[in-house]
PDB file of N, CA and C in Angstrom:
ATOM      1  N   UNK A   1     -18.596   1.304   0.908  1.00  0.00           N
ATOM      2  CA  UNK A   1     -19.909   1.850   0.955  1.00  0.00           C
ATOM      3  C   UNK A   1     -20.086   2.683  -0.305  1.00  0.00           C
ATOM      4  N   UNK A   2     -21.259   2.598  -0.899  1.00  0.00           N
ATOM      5  CA  UNK A   2     -21.589   3.404  -2.073  1.00  0.00           C
ATOM      6  C   UNK A   2     -22.808   4.261  -1.784  1.00  0.00           C
ATOM      7  N   UNK A   3     -22.742   5.489  -2.258  1.00  0.00           N
ATOM      8  CA  UNK A   3     -23.885   6.397  -2.193  1.00  0.00           C
ATOM      9  C   UNK A   3     -24.189   6.780  -3.633  1.00  0.00           C
ATOM     10  N   UNK A   4     -25.418   6.529  -4.056  1.00  0.00           N
ATOM     11  CA  UNK A   4     -25.785   6.717  -5.455  1.00  0.00           C
ATOM     12  C   UNK A   4     -27.045   7.565  -5.552  1.00  0.00           C
ATOM     13  N   UNK A   5     -27.088   8.435  -6.566  1.00  0.00           N
ATOM     14  CA  UNK A   5     -28.317   9.163  -6.834  1.00  0.00           C
ATOM     15  C   UNK A   5     -28.688   8.997  -8.308  1.00  0.00           C
ATOM     16  N   UNK A   6     -29.861   9.437  -8.646  1.00  0.00           N
ATOM     17  CA  UNK A   6     -30.327   9.351 -10.033  1.00  0.00           C
ATOM     18  C   UNK A   6     -30.573  10.753 -10.576  1.00  0.00           C
ATOM     19  N   UNK A   7     -29.728  11.687 -10.149  1.00  0.00           N
ATOM     20  CA  UNK A   7     -29.866  13.078 -10.555  1.00  0.00           C
ATOM     21  C   UNK A   7     -29.322  13.352 -11.945  1.00  0.00           C
ATOM     22  N   UNK A   8     -28.912  14.584 -12.157  1.00  0.00           N
ATOM     23  CA  UNK A   8     -28.476  15.020 -13.485  1.00  0.00           C
ATOM     24  C   UNK A   8     -27.059  14.587 -13.819  1.00  0.00           C
ATOM     25  N   UNK A   9     -26.311  14.112 -12.841  1.00  0.00           N
ATOM     26  CA  UNK A   9     -24.938  13.685 -13.073  1.00  0.00           C
ATOM     27  C   UNK A   9     -23.974  14.855 -13.110  1.00  0.00           C
ATOM     28  N   UNK A  10     -22.700  14.533 -13.194  1.00  0.00           N
ATOM     29  CA  UNK A  10     -21.637  15.530 -13.239  1.00  0.00           C
ATOM     30  C   UNK A  10     -20.949  15.397 -14.588  1.00  0.00           C
ATOM     31  N   UNK A  11     -20.758  16.495 -15.302  1.00  0.00           N
ATOM     32  CA  UNK A  11     -20.076  16.412 -16.592  1.00  0.00           C
ATOM     33  C   UNK A  11     -18.684  15.795 -16.448  1.00  0.00           C
ATOM     34  N   UNK A  12     -18.313  14.963 -17.397  1.00  0.00           N
ATOM     35  CA  UNK A  12     -17.044  14.236 -17.364  1.00  0.00           C
ATOM     36  C   UNK A  12     -15.852  15.160 -17.160  1.00  0.00           C
ATOM     37  N   UNK A  13     -15.852  16.313 -17.801  1.00  0.00           N
ATOM     38  CA  UNK A  13     -14.707  17.222 -17.676  1.00  0.00           C
ATOM     39  C   UNK A  13     -14.594  17.827 -16.277  1.00  0.00           C
ATOM     40  N   UNK A  14     -15.649  17.746 -15.472  1.00  0.00           N
ATOM     41  CA  UNK A  14     -15.616  18.307 -14.118  1.00  0.00           C
ATOM     42  C   UNK A  14     -15.264  17.265 -13.052  1.00  0.00           C
ATOM     43  N   UNK A  15     -15.309  15.994 -13.389  1.00  0.00           N
ATOM     44  CA  UNK A  15     -15.061  14.944 -12.395  1.00  0.00           C
ATOM     45  C   UNK A  15     -13.709  15.082 -11.696  1.00  0.00           C
ATOM     46  N   UNK A  16     -12.625  15.423 -12.402  1.00  0.00           N
ATOM     47  CA  UNK A  16     -11.341  15.555 -11.694  1.00  0.00           C
ATOM     48  C   UNK A  16     -11.311  16.705 -10.685  1.00  0.00           C
ATOM     49  N   UNK A  17     -12.266  17.600 -10.750  1.00  0.00           N
ATOM     50  CA  UNK A  17     -12.280  18.786  -9.901  1.00  0.00           C
ATOM     51  C   UNK A  17     -13.128  18.651  -8.644  1.00  0.00           C
ATOM     52  N   UNK A  18     -14.022  17.664  -8.577  1.00  0.00           N
ATOM     53  CA  UNK A  18     -15.061  17.662  -7.537  1.00  0.00           C
ATOM     54  C   UNK A  18     -14.534  17.619  -6.102  1.00  0.00           C
ATOM     55  N   UNK A  19     -13.328  17.123  -5.876  1.00  0.00           N
ATOM     56  CA  UNK A  19     -12.799  17.046  -4.514  1.00  0.00           C
ATOM     57  C   UNK A  19     -11.927  18.257  -4.157  1.00  0.00           C
ATOM     58  N   UNK A  20     -11.779  19.199  -5.081  1.00  0.00           N
ATOM     59  CA  UNK A  20     -10.969  20.387  -4.812  1.00  0.00           C
ATOM     60  C   UNK A  20     -11.770  21.374  -3.960  1.00  0.00           C
ATOM     61  N   UNK A  21     -11.103  22.021  -2.975  1.00  0.00           N
ATOM     62  CA  UNK A  21     -11.802  22.992  -2.132  1.00  0.00           C
ATOM     63  C   UNK A  21     -12.426  24.114  -2.963  1.00  0.00           C
ATOM     64  N   UNK A  22     -13.619  24.491  -2.600  1.00  0.00           N
ATOM     65  CA  UNK A  22     -14.391  25.592  -3.179  1.00  0.00           C
ATOM     66  C   UNK A  22     -14.920  25.322  -4.596  1.00  0.00           C
ATOM     67  N   UNK A  23     -14.749  24.081  -5.080  1.00  0.00           N
ATOM     68  CA  UNK A  23     -15.279  23.758  -6.405  1.00  0.00           C
ATOM     69  C   UNK A  23     -16.765  23.468  -6.298  1.00  0.00           C
ATOM     70  N   UNK A  24     -17.534  24.055  -7.195  1.00  0.00           N
ATOM     71  CA  UNK A  24     -18.972  23.802  -7.260  1.00  0.00           C
ATOM     72  C   UNK A  24     -19.325  23.469  -8.699  1.00  0.00           C
ATOM     73  N   UNK A  25     -20.192  22.496  -8.896  1.00  0.00           N
ATOM     74  CA  UNK A  25     -20.556  22.046 -10.235  1.00  0.00           C
ATOM     75  C   UNK A  25     -21.382  23.090 -10.962  1.00  0.00           C
ATOM     76  N   UNK A  26     -22.199  23.828 -10.251  1.00  0.00           N
ATOM     77  CA  UNK A  26     -23.124  24.762 -10.879  1.00  0.00           C
ATOM     78  C   UNK A  26     -23.052  26.120 -10.211  1.00  0.00           C
ATOM     79  N   UNK A  27     -23.216  27.173 -10.998  1.00  0.00           N
ATOM     80  CA  UNK A  27     -23.256  28.518 -10.415  1.00  0.00           C
ATOM     81  C   UNK A  27     -24.507  28.722  -9.575  1.00  0.00           C
ATOM     82  N   UNK A  28     -25.486  27.821  -9.714  1.00  0.00           N
ATOM     83  CA  UNK A  28     -26.720  27.911  -8.937  1.00  0.00           C
ATOM     84  C   UNK A  28     -26.626  27.153  -7.613  1.00  0.00           C
ATOM     85  N   UNK A  29     -25.534  26.450  -7.397  1.00  0.00           N
ATOM     86  CA  UNK A  29     -25.321  25.704  -6.169  1.00  0.00           C
ATOM     87  C   UNK A  29     -25.087  26.696  -5.039  1.00  0.00           C
ATOM     88  N   UNK A  30     -25.803  26.554  -3.943  1.00  0.00           N
ATOM     89  CA  UNK A  30     -25.675  27.497  -2.837  1.00  0.00           C
ATOM     90  C   UNK A  30     -24.658  27.053  -1.793  1.00  0.00           C
ATOM     91  N   UNK A  31     -24.000  25.926  -1.996  1.00  0.00           N
ATOM     92  CA  UNK A  31     -23.019  25.443  -1.033  1.00  0.00           C
ATOM     93  C   UNK A  31     -21.710  26.198  -1.131  1.00  0.00           C
ATOM     94  N   UNK A  32     -20.798  25.871  -0.227  1.00  0.00           N
ATOM     95  CA  UNK A  32     -19.492  26.534  -0.190  1.00  0.00           C
ATOM     96  C   UNK A  32     -18.472  25.849  -1.079  1.00  0.00           C
ATOM     97  N   UNK A  33     -18.754  24.623  -1.499  1.00  0.00           N
ATOM     98  CA  UNK A  33     -17.775  23.888  -2.285  1.00  0.00           C
ATOM     99  C   UNK A  33     -16.728  23.207  -1.419  1.00  0.00           C
ATOM    100  N   UNK A  34     -17.020  23.043  -0.136  1.00  0.00           N
ATOM    101  CA  UNK A  34     -16.056  22.415   0.779  1.00  0.00           C
ATOM    102  C   UNK A  34     -16.443  20.996   1.188  1.00  0.00           C
ATOM    103  N   UNK A  35     -17.681  20.608   1.001  1.00  0.00           N
ATOM    104  CA  UNK A  35     -18.155  19.323   1.510  1.00  0.00           C
ATOM    105  C   UNK A  35     -17.365  18.126   1.029  1.00  0.00           C
ATOM    106  N   UNK A  36     -17.159  18.002  -0.268  1.00  0.00           N
ATOM    107  CA  UNK A  36     -16.442  16.832  -0.784  1.00  0.00           C
ATOM    108  C   UNK A  36     -14.956  16.891  -0.458  1.00  0.00           C
ATOM    109  N   UNK A  37     -14.395  18.089  -0.391  1.00  0.00           N
ATOM    110  CA  UNK A  37     -12.994  18.231  -0.014  1.00  0.00           C
ATOM    111  C   UNK A  37     -12.781  17.771   1.431  1.00  0.00           C
ATOM    112  N   UNK A  38     -13.657  18.196   2.323  1.00  0.00           N
ATOM    113  CA  UNK A  38     -13.571  17.787   3.728  1.00  0.00           C
ATOM    114  C   UNK A  38     -13.816  16.286   3.860  1.00  0.00           C
ATOM    115  N   UNK A  39     -14.784  15.771   3.131  1.00  0.00           N
ATOM    116  CA  UNK A  39     -15.074  14.332   3.177  1.00  0.00           C
ATOM    117  C   UNK A  39     -13.859  13.528   2.746  1.00  0.00           C
ATOM    118  N   UNK A  40     -13.228  13.926   1.638  1.00  0.00           N
ATOM    119  CA  UNK A  40     -12.042  13.212   1.169  1.00  0.00           C
ATOM    120  C   UNK A  40     -10.948  13.240   2.224  1.00  0.00           C
ATOM    121  N   UNK A  41     -10.739  14.396   2.867  1.00  0.00           N
ATOM    122  CA  UNK A  41      -9.710  14.516   3.893  1.00  0.00           C
ATOM    123  C   UNK A  41      -9.979  13.564   5.059  1.00  0.00           C
ATOM    124  N   UNK A  42     -11.222  13.498   5.518  1.00  0.00           N
ATOM    125  CA  UNK A  42     -11.573  12.604   6.624  1.00  0.00           C
ATOM    126  C   UNK A  42     -11.343  11.147   6.235  1.00  0.00           C
ATOM    127  N   UNK A  43     -11.807  10.761   5.055  1.00  0.00           N
ATOM    128  CA  UNK A  43     -11.656   9.377   4.595  1.00  0.00           C
ATOM    129  C   UNK A  43     -10.177   9.016   4.486  1.00  0.00           C
ATOM    130  N   UNK A  44      -9.362   9.892   3.899  1.00  0.00           N
ATOM    131  CA  UNK A  44      -7.938   9.596   3.737  1.00  0.00           C
ATOM    132  C   UNK A  44      -7.205   9.554   5.069  1.00  0.00           C
ATOM    133  N   UNK A  45      -7.605  10.375   6.028  1.00  0.00           N
ATOM    134  CA  UNK A  45      -6.973  10.347   7.357  1.00  0.00           C
ATOM    135  C   UNK A  45      -7.252   9.030   8.087  1.00  0.00           C
ATOM    136  N   UNK A  46      -8.292   8.343   7.668  1.00  0.00           N
ATOM    137  CA  UNK A  46      -8.597   7.029   8.236  1.00  0.00           C
ATOM    138  C   UNK A  46      -8.052   5.896   7.376  1.00  0.00           C
ATOM    139  N   UNK A  47      -7.169   6.216   6.443  1.00  0.00           N
ATOM    140  CA  UNK A  47      -6.527   5.195   5.620  1.00  0.00           C
ATOM    141  C   UNK A  47      -7.384   4.703   4.465  1.00  0.00           C
ATOM    142  N   UNK A  48      -8.417   5.448   4.111  1.00  0.00           N
ATOM    143  CA  UNK A  48      -9.320   5.007   3.054  1.00  0.00           C
ATOM    144  C   UNK A  48      -9.200   5.827   1.794  1.00  0.00           C
ATOM    145  N   UNK A  49     -10.146   5.614   0.914  1.00  0.00           N
ATOM    146  CA  UNK A  49     -10.197   6.370  -0.329  1.00  0.00           C
ATOM    147  C   UNK A  49     -11.652   6.587  -0.726  1.00  0.00           C
ATOM    148  N   UNK A  50     -11.869   7.650  -1.490  1.00  0.00           N
ATOM    149  CA  UNK A  50     -13.199   7.962  -2.000  1.00  0.00           C
ATOM    150  C   UNK A  50     -13.077   8.202  -3.498  1.00  0.00           C
ATOM    151  N   UNK A  51     -14.006   7.660  -4.246  1.00  0.00           N
ATOM    152  CA  UNK A  51     -14.015   7.808  -5.706  1.00  0.00           C
ATOM    153  C   UNK A  51     -15.401   8.219  -6.164  1.00  0.00           C
ATOM    154  N   UNK A  52     -15.449   8.844  -7.326  1.00  0.00           N
ATOM    155  CA  UNK A  52     -16.717   9.274  -7.898  1.00  0.00           C
ATOM    156  C   UNK A  52     -16.833   8.744  -9.320  1.00  0.00           C
ATOM    157  N   UNK A  53     -18.031   8.333  -9.659  1.00  0.00           N
ATOM    158  CA  UNK A  53     -18.357   7.906 -11.017  1.00  0.00           C
ATOM    159  C   UNK A  53     -19.694   8.552 -11.351  1.00  0.00           C
ATOM    160  N   UNK A  54     -19.772   9.166 -12.529  1.00  0.00           N
ATOM    161  CA  UNK A  54     -20.993   9.866 -12.870  1.00  0.00           C
ATOM    162  C   UNK A  54     -21.260   9.790 -14.366  1.00  0.00           C
ATOM    163  N   UNK A  55     -22.540   9.725 -14.698  1.00  0.00           N
ATOM    164  CA  UNK A  55     -22.978   9.743 -16.093  1.00  0.00           C
ATOM    165  C   UNK A  55     -24.038  10.838 -16.193  1.00  0.00           C
ATOM    166  N   UNK A  56     -23.784  11.808 -17.057  1.00  0.00           N
ATOM    167  CA  UNK A  56     -24.752  12.894 -17.224  1.00  0.00           C
ATOM    168  C   UNK A  56     -26.114  12.332 -17.599  1.00  0.00           C
ATOM    169  N   UNK A  57     -27.134  12.832 -16.928  1.00  0.00           N
ATOM    170  CA  UNK A  57     -28.495  12.400 -17.184  1.00  0.00           C
ATOM    171  C   UNK A  57     -28.889  11.114 -16.481  1.00  0.00           C
ATOM    172  N   UNK A  58     -27.934  10.456 -15.811  1.00  0.00           N
ATOM    173  CA  UNK A  58     -28.233   9.183 -15.138  1.00  0.00           C
ATOM    174  C   UNK A  58     -27.954   9.203 -13.650  1.00  0.00           C
ATOM    175  N   UNK A  59     -27.000  10.001 -13.207  1.00  0.00           N
ATOM    176  CA  UNK A  59     -26.709  10.069 -11.786  1.00  0.00           C
ATOM    177  C   UNK A  59     -25.250   9.919 -11.454  1.00  0.00           C
ATOM    178  N   UNK A  60     -24.971   9.914 -10.150  1.00  0.00           N
ATOM    179  CA  UNK A  60     -23.609   9.896  -9.629  1.00  0.00           C
ATOM    180  C   UNK A  60     -23.496   8.871  -8.511  1.00  0.00           C
ATOM    181  N   UNK A  61     -22.334   8.222  -8.445  1.00  0.00           N
ATOM    182  CA  UNK A  61     -22.044   7.269  -7.374  1.00  0.00           C
ATOM    183  C   UNK A  61     -20.727   7.654  -6.714  1.00  0.00           C
ATOM    184  N   UNK A  62     -20.750   7.784  -5.397  1.00  0.00           N
ATOM    185  CA  UNK A  62     -19.533   7.969  -4.615  1.00  0.00           C
ATOM    186  C   UNK A  62     -19.269   6.659  -3.888  1.00  0.00           C
ATOM    187  N   UNK A  63     -18.038   6.169  -3.986  1.00  0.00           N
ATOM    188  CA  UNK A  63     -17.637   4.922  -3.330  1.00  0.00           C
ATOM    189  C   UNK A  63     -16.568   5.243  -2.291  1.00  0.00           C
ATOM    190  N   UNK A  64     -16.823   4.850  -1.053  1.00  0.00           N
ATOM    191  CA  UNK A  64     -15.883   5.056   0.044  1.00  0.00           C
ATOM    192  C   UNK A  64     -15.370   3.691   0.485  1.00  0.00           C
ATOM    193  N   UNK A  65     -14.050   3.567   0.522  1.00  0.00           N
ATOM    194  CA  UNK A  65     -13.415   2.332   1.001  1.00  0.00           C
ATOM    195  C   UNK A  65     -12.579   2.676   2.222  1.00  0.00           C
ATOM    196  N   UNK A  66     -12.841   1.970   3.324  1.00  0.00           N
ATOM    197  CA  UNK A  66     -12.095   2.161   4.564  1.00  0.00           C
ATOM    198  C   UNK A  66     -11.503   0.833   4.998  1.00  0.00           C
ATOM    199  N   UNK A  67     -10.301   0.867   5.582  1.00  0.00           N
ATOM    200  CA  UNK A  67      -9.706  -0.388   6.052  1.00  0.00           C
ATOM    201  C   UNK A  67     -10.453  -0.926   7.267  1.00  0.00           C
ATOM    202  N   UNK A  68     -10.440  -2.229   7.414  1.00  0.00           N
ATOM    203  CA  UNK A  68     -11.023  -2.850   8.592  1.00  0.00           C
ATOM    204  C   UNK A  68     -10.128  -2.600   9.794  1.00  0.00           C
ATOM    205  N   UNK A  69     -10.723  -2.329  10.912  1.00  0.00           N
ATOM    206  CA  UNK A  69      -9.961  -2.143  12.145  1.00  0.00           C
ATOM    207  C   UNK A  69      -9.651  -3.513  12.746  1.00  0.00           C
ATOM    208  N   UNK A  70      -8.571  -3.586  13.486  1.00  0.00           N
ATOM    209  CA  UNK A  70      -8.255  -4.812  14.195  1.00  0.00           C
ATOM    210  C   UNK A  70      -9.332  -5.052  15.253  1.00  0.00           C
ATOM    211  N   UNK A  71      -9.700  -6.297  15.506  1.00  0.00           N
ATOM    212  CA  UNK A  71     -10.718  -6.572  16.513  1.00  0.00           C
ATOM    213  C   UNK A  71     -10.297  -6.060  17.887  1.00  0.00           C
ATOM    214  N   UNK A  72     -11.241  -5.515  18.625  1.00  0.00           N
ATOM    215  CA  UNK A  72     -10.974  -5.021  19.974  1.00  0.00           C
ATOM    216  C   UNK A  72     -10.805  -6.197  20.917  1.00  0.00           C
ATOM    217  N   UNK A  73      -9.698  -6.226  21.655  1.00  0.00           N
ATOM    218  CA  UNK A  73      -9.439  -7.332  22.574  1.00  0.00           C
ATOM    219  C   UNK A  73      -9.640  -6.935  24.027  1.00  0.00           C
ATOM    220  N   UNK A  74      -9.823  -5.636  24.293  1.00  0.00           N
ATOM    221  CA  UNK A  74      -9.979  -5.168  25.657  1.00  0.00           C
ATOM    222  C   UNK A  74      -8.662  -4.968  26.372  1.00  0.00           C
ATOM    223  N   UNK A  75      -7.558  -5.285  25.698  1.00  0.00           N
ATOM    224  CA  UNK A  75      -6.218  -5.103  26.287  1.00  0.00           C
ATOM    225  C   UNK A  75      -5.613  -3.828  25.714  1.00  0.00           C
ATOM    226  N   UNK A  76      -4.754  -3.188  26.533  1.00  0.00           N
ATOM    227  CA  UNK A  76      -4.100  -1.975  26.034  1.00  0.00           C
ATOM    228  C   UNK A  76      -2.689  -2.236  25.589  1.00  0.00           C
TER     229      UNK A  76
END
């Protein structure tokens, strides 16, 4: 799954930091800096991965990859 925006983008030097707890891209950001860290933790606990790609002035794309679950057979 990909989530893409056409916002201001994230500076290249900040991309390695975006999943770290309490990291915020801007001093004007009113968030806690925990959202992407928590998201990464949830995705990884389900055996997946999350990646970010961004171009300043063009936007940002987050890609989430999760493994397929085995089909439910109704048996335990």
